[in-house]
Protein backbone atom coordinates (compact mmCIF):
# COMPACT_ATOMS: atom_id res chain seq x y z
CA MET A 1 7.79 40.44 21.35
CA SER A 2 11.51 40.21 22.09
CA VAL A 3 12.71 37.05 23.81
CA VAL A 4 14.85 39.26 26.08
CA ASP A 5 12.16 41.79 26.94
CA PRO A 6 12.91 43.46 30.32
CA SER A 7 9.54 42.32 31.68
CA PHE A 8 10.81 38.72 31.67
CA GLU A 9 13.35 39.65 34.34
CA LEU A 10 10.44 39.91 36.80
CA LEU A 11 7.99 37.42 35.28
CA ASP A 12 10.47 34.59 34.74
CA PRO A 13 13.88 35.45 36.27
CA CYS A 14 15.04 31.81 36.51
CA PRO A 15 13.66 30.05 33.43
CA ASP A 16 13.82 26.35 32.63
CA ILE A 17 16.63 25.92 30.09
CA HIS A 18 14.98 22.83 28.59
CA ALA A 19 11.75 24.72 27.92
CA LEU A 20 13.73 27.58 26.39
CA PHE A 21 15.68 25.15 24.21
CA ILE A 22 12.48 23.61 22.79
CA GLN A 23 10.94 27.05 22.21
CA PHE A 24 14.01 28.47 20.42
CA ASP A 25 14.54 25.29 18.38
CA ALA A 26 11.02 25.55 16.95
CA ARG A 27 11.22 29.31 16.36
CA PHE A 28 14.73 29.87 15.00
CA PHE A 29 16.03 26.47 13.82
CA GLY A 30 12.97 24.69 12.42
CA GLY A 31 13.06 21.90 15.00
CA SER A 32 16.31 20.45 13.66
CA LEU A 33 17.99 20.26 17.09
CA ALA A 34 15.83 17.49 18.51
CA CYS A 35 18.90 15.24 18.70
CA CYS A 36 20.76 17.68 20.98
CA GLU A 37 20.73 17.97 24.74
CA VAL A 38 21.15 20.94 27.04
CA LYS A 39 22.17 20.86 30.71
CA TRP A 40 23.80 22.88 33.46
CA SER A 41 27.46 22.48 34.32
CA PRO A 42 28.42 23.25 37.93
CA ARG A 43 32.19 23.25 37.24
CA MET A 44 32.55 25.73 34.35
CA TYR A 45 34.16 28.91 35.67
CA THR A 46 35.93 30.41 32.66
CA CYS A 47 33.34 30.17 29.86
CA ALA A 48 29.59 30.75 29.92
CA GLY A 49 28.69 27.90 27.58
CA ILE A 50 30.15 25.16 25.41
CA CYS A 51 28.86 22.90 22.64
CA SER A 52 30.49 19.47 22.26
CA TYR A 53 30.08 16.86 19.54
CA GLU A 54 30.59 13.14 19.32
CA ILE A 55 30.31 11.32 16.00
CA ARG A 56 29.28 7.67 16.21
CA GLY A 57 29.67 5.20 13.37
CA GLY A 58 30.39 7.85 10.77
CA ARG A 59 26.72 8.87 10.53
CA GLY A 60 25.32 10.82 13.40
CA GLY A 61 26.42 11.64 16.87
CA LEU A 62 25.68 13.29 20.15
CA CYS A 63 25.54 17.06 20.41
CA SER A 64 25.55 18.44 23.93
CA ILE A 65 25.18 22.04 25.11
CA ARG A 66 26.41 22.84 28.61
CA LEU A 67 25.81 26.15 30.35
CA SER A 68 27.86 27.47 33.26
CA LYS A 69 25.74 27.59 36.38
CA PRO A 70 28.35 29.49 38.47
CA LEU A 71 28.63 32.30 35.92
CA LEU A 72 25.07 32.60 34.60
CA SER A 73 23.52 32.42 38.05
CA LEU A 74 25.11 35.84 38.72
CA ARG A 75 23.85 37.35 35.48
CA PRO A 76 20.43 38.61 34.32
CA ARG A 77 18.04 36.37 32.39
CA LYS A 78 18.98 38.16 29.15
CA ASP A 79 22.55 36.83 29.32
CA LEU A 80 21.29 33.28 29.84
CA VAL A 81 19.04 33.48 26.77
CA GLU A 82 21.74 34.94 24.52
CA THR A 83 24.35 32.42 25.70
CA LEU A 84 21.95 29.55 24.99
CA LEU A 85 21.18 30.87 21.51
CA HIS A 86 24.93 31.29 20.85
CA GLU A 87 25.58 27.63 21.61
CA MET A 88 22.49 26.53 19.67
CA ILE A 89 23.97 28.15 16.57
CA HIS A 90 27.10 26.01 17.00
CA ALA A 91 24.89 22.93 17.41
CA TYR A 92 22.90 23.81 14.28
CA LEU A 93 26.07 24.18 12.19
CA PHE A 94 27.25 20.77 13.42
CA VAL A 95 23.95 19.03 12.72
CA LYS A 96 23.48 20.57 9.28
CA GLU A 97 27.04 21.04 8.02
CA ARG A 98 29.10 18.82 10.35
CA ASN A 99 31.05 21.90 11.38
CA ARG A 100 32.99 20.75 14.46
CA ASP A 101 34.97 23.95 14.96
CA ARG A 102 33.70 25.13 18.33
CA ASP A 103 35.67 28.38 18.13
CA GLY A 104 34.64 28.99 14.54
CA HIS A 105 32.67 32.22 14.32
CA GLY A 106 33.00 32.68 10.57
CA PRO A 107 30.49 33.91 7.98
CA HIS A 108 28.00 31.05 8.53
CA PHE A 109 27.90 31.58 12.27
CA GLN A 110 27.58 35.35 11.96
CA SER A 111 24.77 35.06 9.40
CA HIS A 112 22.65 33.03 11.82
CA MET A 113 23.66 35.34 14.67
CA HIS A 114 22.43 38.45 12.81
CA ARG A 115 19.25 36.66 11.71
CA ILE A 116 18.27 35.70 15.26
CA ASN A 117 19.22 39.14 16.61
CA GLN A 118 16.86 40.71 14.10
CA GLU A 119 13.99 38.28 14.62
CA GLY A 120 14.21 37.87 18.38
CA GLY A 121 15.43 41.30 19.43
CA THR A 122 18.54 39.81 21.06
CA ASN A 123 22.17 40.93 21.08
CA ILE A 124 24.10 37.71 20.54
CA THR A 125 27.86 38.30 20.32
CA ILE A 126 30.87 36.17 19.48
CA TYR A 127 32.51 36.38 22.92
CA HIS A 128 30.97 36.99 26.31
CA SER A 129 31.95 39.82 28.61
CA PHE A 130 31.55 38.12 31.98
CA HIS A 131 35.07 39.02 33.05
CA ASP A 132 34.11 40.20 36.52
CA GLU A 133 32.37 36.90 37.31
CA VAL A 134 35.34 34.91 36.01
CA ARG A 135 37.74 36.89 38.21
CA LEU A 136 35.45 36.38 41.20
CA TYR A 137 35.87 32.60 41.10
CA LYS A 138 39.65 32.70 40.64
CA GLN A 139 40.58 32.49 44.33
CA HIS A 140 43.85 30.49 44.05
CA TRP A 141 46.85 32.67 43.12
CA TRP A 142 50.49 31.79 42.45
CA ARG A 143 53.36 34.11 41.56
CA CYS A 144 56.68 33.30 40.00
CA SER A 145 59.84 34.17 41.91
CA GLY A 146 61.88 34.58 38.71
CA PRO A 147 62.34 37.44 36.25
CA CYS A 148 58.82 37.10 34.77
CA LYS A 149 57.31 38.71 37.89
CA ASP A 150 58.38 42.07 36.43
CA ARG A 151 57.07 41.41 32.92
CA ARG A 152 53.77 42.49 31.47
CA PRO A 153 50.93 41.65 31.25
CA PHE A 154 50.63 39.07 34.07
CA PHE A 155 53.66 40.04 36.24
CA GLY A 156 54.22 36.38 37.10
CA TYR A 157 50.70 35.75 38.45
CA VAL A 158 48.72 32.58 37.71
CA LYS A 159 45.12 32.73 38.95
CA ARG A 160 42.86 29.68 38.94
CA THR A 161 39.51 28.54 40.26
CA CYS A 162 40.86 25.18 41.41
CA ASN A 163 43.76 24.45 43.72
CA ARG A 164 46.10 23.16 41.00
CA ALA A 165 49.59 24.60 41.06
CA PRO A 166 51.35 25.39 37.75
CA GLY A 167 53.36 22.44 36.50
CA PRO A 168 54.38 20.32 33.49
CA ASN A 169 50.76 19.69 32.52
CA ASP A 170 50.40 23.32 31.43
CA ARG A 171 51.09 24.02 27.76
CA TRP A 172 53.24 27.05 28.50
CA TRP A 173 55.35 25.31 31.19
CA ILE A 174 58.31 24.35 28.96
CA GLN A 175 58.51 27.84 27.48
CA HIS A 176 58.42 29.35 30.96
CA GLN A 177 61.21 27.13 32.21
CA GLN A 178 63.39 28.12 29.26
CA SER A 179 62.74 31.87 29.46
CA CYS A 180 62.40 32.35 33.23
CA GLY A 181 62.99 29.22 35.28
CA GLY A 182 61.46 30.70 38.40
CA GLU A 183 59.42 28.87 41.03
CA PHE A 184 55.72 29.49 41.57
CA LEU A 185 54.75 30.23 45.17
CA LYS A 186 51.15 30.41 46.35
CA VAL A 187 50.24 33.89 47.55
CA LYS A 188 46.45 33.71 47.97
CA GLU A 189 43.71 31.16 48.59
CA PRO A 190 40.02 31.28 49.59
CA ASP A 191 38.94 31.58 53.19
CA VAL A 192 38.65 28.07 54.58
CA LYS A 193 36.43 29.15 57.48
CA GLY A 194 33.67 30.33 55.22
CA ALA A 195 33.75 27.13 53.18
CA SER A 196 33.62 24.75 56.10
CA VAL A 197 29.91 25.05 56.70
CA LYS A 198 28.22 21.66 56.66
CA SER A 199 24.73 21.35 55.28
CA VAL A 200 22.21 19.61 57.46
CA THR A 201 19.87 17.27 55.61
CA PRO A 202 16.45 17.10 57.20
CA SER A 203 15.30 13.67 58.25
CA LYS A 204 12.71 11.96 56.10
CA VAL A 205 9.20 11.57 57.44
CA THR A 206 7.80 8.12 56.80
CA LEU A 207 4.20 7.00 56.70
CA ASP A 208 4.57 5.32 60.08
CA ASP A 209 5.71 8.59 61.64
CA PHE A 210 2.63 10.33 60.25
CA PHE A 211 0.25 7.95 62.02
CA LYS A 212 2.11 7.86 65.31
CA LYS A 213 -0.05 8.86 68.26
CA LYS A 214 0.82 12.27 69.58
CA THR A 215 1.89 12.24 73.20
CA SER A 216 1.09 14.97 75.66
CA PRO A 217 3.90 17.32 76.65
CA THR A 218 5.93 16.29 79.69
CA ASN A 219 6.65 19.80 80.94
CA PRO A 220 4.25 20.80 83.74
CA ARG A 221 2.26 23.98 83.54
CA PHE A 222 3.58 25.27 86.85
CA THR A 223 7.34 25.30 87.30
CA GLY A 224 7.33 26.10 91.01
CA SER A 225 8.08 23.68 93.79
CA GLY A 226 4.94 21.86 94.84
CA GLN A 227 3.76 18.48 95.98
CA LYS A 228 2.70 16.01 93.31
CA LEU A 229 -0.97 15.15 93.40
CA GLY A 230 -2.28 11.68 92.66
CA GLY A 231 -0.15 8.58 92.21
CA THR A 232 -0.64 4.87 92.49
CA SER A 233 -2.43 5.05 95.84
CA SER A 234 -6.16 5.56 96.03
CA SER A 235 -5.90 8.75 98.12
CA SER A 236 -3.87 11.89 97.39
CA SER A 237 -0.99 13.01 99.57
CA LEU A 238 -3.02 16.11 100.36
CA LEU A 239 -5.58 13.93 102.12
CA ASN A 240 -3.06 12.44 104.53
CA SER A 241 -4.36 13.43 107.95
CA ASN A 242 -1.07 12.46 109.62
CA ALA A 243 0.89 15.12 107.74
CA LYS A 244 2.67 17.43 110.18
CA THR A 245 3.46 20.18 107.72
CA GLY A 246 1.36 22.14 105.30
CA VAL A 247 1.45 21.93 101.50
CA ARG A 248 3.11 24.69 99.47
CA LEU A 249 0.78 25.74 96.68
CA GLY A 250 1.38 27.97 93.69
CA GLY A 251 4.31 28.46 91.25
CA SER A 252 7.02 30.97 90.61
CA SER A 253 4.65 33.42 88.91
CA GLY A 254 2.45 34.08 91.94
CA THR A 255 2.71 34.55 95.70
CA SER A 256 2.67 31.15 97.35
CA ARG A 257 1.40 30.54 100.89
CA LEU A 258 2.16 27.73 103.29
CA LEU A 259 -1.23 26.52 104.44
CA PRO A 260 -1.61 24.97 107.92
CA PRO A 261 -2.23 21.23 108.28
CA ILE A 262 -5.71 20.24 107.22
CA LYS A 263 -7.74 18.29 109.74
CA PHE A 264 -10.71 16.43 108.33
CA THR A 265 -13.79 15.48 110.33
CA SER A 266 -16.25 12.90 109.19
CA PRO A 267 -19.41 14.50 107.78
CA PRO A 268 -22.66 13.66 109.49
CA THR A 269 -24.15 11.89 106.52
CA ARG A 270 -21.54 10.57 104.11
CA SER A 271 -17.86 10.53 103.27
CA PRO A 272 -16.25 13.03 100.85
CA GLU A 273 -17.30 12.41 97.29
CA VAL A 274 -15.54 14.88 95.02
CA ILE A 275 -12.19 16.64 95.15
CA CYS A 276 -12.19 19.67 92.80
CA ILE A 277 -8.89 21.36 92.02
CA SER A 278 -9.08 24.32 89.65
CA ASP A 279 -6.94 27.23 88.58
CA SER A 280 -8.20 30.67 87.70
CA ASP A 281 -8.39 31.29 83.93
CA ASP A 282 -8.45 35.06 84.31
CA ASP A 283 -5.55 36.54 82.32
CA GLN A 284 -5.84 39.99 83.91
CA VAL A 285 -3.88 40.66 87.09
CA THR A 286 -6.32 42.06 89.64
CA ASN A 287 -4.32 41.54 92.88
CA ASP A 288 -1.15 40.05 94.25
CA GLU A 289 -2.76 36.68 94.95
CA ASP A 290 -3.13 35.51 91.31
CA ASP A 291 -2.26 32.00 90.21
CA VAL A 292 -3.09 30.63 93.71
CA LEU A 293 -4.83 27.27 93.56
CA GLU A 294 -8.22 27.12 95.09
CA ILE A 295 -9.02 23.79 96.79
CA SER A 296 -12.50 22.96 98.07
CA PHE A 297 -13.60 19.67 99.55
CA VAL A 298 -17.28 19.04 98.86
CA LEU A 299 -19.03 17.43 101.82
CA SER A 300 -22.60 17.91 100.72
CA ALA A 301 -24.63 19.83 98.24
CA THR A 302 -24.63 22.95 100.47
CA THR A 303 -21.56 23.02 102.81
CA VAL A 304 -17.82 22.68 102.25
CA ILE A 305 -14.74 22.88 104.53
CA CYS A 306 -12.41 25.87 104.11
CA PRO A 307 -8.84 24.61 103.59
CA SER A 308 -7.47 27.62 105.48
CA CYS A 309 -9.48 27.74 108.73
CA ASN A 310 -11.15 24.27 108.61
CA GLU A 311 -14.58 25.77 109.07
CA GLU A 312 -17.74 24.70 107.31
CA VAL A 313 -18.91 27.31 104.83
CA LEU A 314 -21.79 27.41 102.40
CA GLU A 315 -20.73 26.29 98.97
CA THR A 316 -21.97 29.48 97.33
CA MET A 317 -19.90 31.59 99.77
CA ILE A 318 -16.60 29.67 99.61
CA HIS A 319 -14.89 32.10 97.20
CA SER A 320 -15.63 35.22 99.23
CA HIS A 321 -14.72 33.31 102.43
CA LEU A 322 -11.30 32.33 100.96
CA ASP A 323 -10.63 35.93 100.00
CA SER A 324 -11.18 37.01 103.61
CA CYS A 325 -9.11 34.10 105.05
CA LEU A 326 -6.14 34.63 102.76
CA ALA A 327 -6.20 38.45 103.00
């Protein structure tokens, strides 16, 4: 099966370059590239890959393959595989023949290139054709103000990926000064607004945060204006018999009513035992009086006092009695 089969574009679109390197080394180079390394380069914008050598002590040395992440991330998986194999051929020639000519694509290089193309079904070439991707990253433009702006093929333009103006560090600078002598002026640069987005790093969750006790939410269920129940005192503010005004019940979602002051009378047998405050759990809207709190004060096992008319009503009839009082 070809190593660049189209099915790999869906099965493994972003392969691990280290796993590919080990696989190709064992299949095409007999495992002789174990002393080499392969890694991504985030700052290579003009070439897809490069193989560098470093001889130490006259015997062996370090061989490093670097692949351009900006360019190959825009290309299909097939281009990544063929670029890696191209640089692995350079590394093999260095390890076996000490050939340090990185740009050398002579008979030895081409023989291995044709061999791998035939065995692996690839299409390794001498030079890449990623010209559109290279032009995409060249966002800094300068143009000469001298005579060379009318000359082919560049018409005085210098396009670069980094913001480095042409100067004496360029190899062609002296020749340009002698033949033209013009001044380079910047005519284009990338949009700063799009590049000024700051990445937000999420905060780390520690083990102590994981075991922290969860607290209940502070937002109340009802957002309407009402009187707070409970508190530090033993009796609720609703039970204050000296109150001159009623208590506004209900929230913003329902129709609230201002109930008259509640007057309590001592029961014949015992004092109030239970205060039950409940809210209807019915999600269906049956009338205009939904979300109204129902308050019943239990005096005994059979009778309760209606909070609207202050009359004693049987406990089993309190709901129907409230409907008639509030209607």
